[in-house]
Amino acid sequence: MEKVKLTAGRIADFKCDEGKAQSFLWCAEVPGLGVSIKKPALLPAWK
């Protein structure tokens, strides 16, 4: 699990890893701080 400096640009460009439903981007400067991203659901969350 690589840790990086979280910047607005890095977060804006963050995409889910190929073949995974969810990916995490962890901060190198603040322990425990991270951003997660999920692939969009195939169906809407509302009905």
Protein backbone atom coordinates (compact mmCIF):
# COMPACT_ATOMS: atom_id res chain seq x y z
CA MET A 1 0.00 0.00 0.00
CA GLU A 2 1.78 3.09 -1.28
CA LYS A 3 1.30 6.36 0.57
CA VAL A 4 1.42 9.67 -1.30
CA LYS A 5 1.07 13.37 -0.60
CA LEU A 6 -2.64 14.11 -1.05
CA THR A 7 -3.20 17.13 -3.27
CA ALA A 8 -6.35 18.41 -4.97
CA GLY A 9 -4.97 17.35 -8.35
CA ARG A 10 -3.99 13.87 -7.22
CA ILE A 11 -7.44 13.29 -5.69
CA ALA A 12 -9.20 14.65 -8.82
CA ASP A 13 -7.18 12.26 -11.04
CA PHE A 14 -7.64 9.24 -8.74
CA LYS A 15 -9.37 6.30 -10.44
CA CYS A 16 -10.33 2.84 -9.32
CA ASP A 17 -7.65 0.18 -10.02
CA GLU A 18 -8.38 -2.08 -12.99
CA GLY A 19 -10.28 -5.18 -11.95
CA LYS A 20 -11.20 -3.83 -8.50
CA ALA A 21 -14.54 -2.52 -7.23
CA GLN A 22 -12.87 -0.16 -4.73
CA SER A 23 -9.46 1.50 -4.38
CA PHE A 24 -7.77 3.58 -1.67
CA LEU A 25 -5.30 6.47 -1.78
CA TRP A 26 -3.47 6.90 1.55
CA CYS A 27 -1.82 10.08 2.81
CA ALA A 28 1.93 9.99 3.51
CA GLU A 29 1.74 12.95 5.90
CA VAL A 30 -1.31 12.24 8.09
CA PRO A 31 -1.56 8.70 9.53
CA GLY A 32 -4.92 7.08 8.84
CA LEU A 33 -6.08 9.70 6.32
CA GLY A 34 -7.14 8.29 3.00
CA VAL A 35 -9.54 8.60 0.09
CA SER A 36 -11.56 5.72 -1.29
CA ILE A 37 -13.26 5.41 -4.65
CA LYS A 38 -15.78 2.86 -5.87
CA LYS A 39 -16.75 1.97 -9.40
CA PRO A 40 -20.25 3.18 -10.25
CA ALA A 41 -23.09 0.77 -9.57
CA LEU A 42 -24.81 -0.73 -12.59
CA LEU A 43 -28.20 0.22 -11.16
CA PRO A 44 -29.26 3.50 -9.58
CA ALA A 45 -29.40 3.63 -5.80
CA TRP A 46 -32.96 4.94 -5.90
CA LYS A 47 -36.14 3.37 -7.28
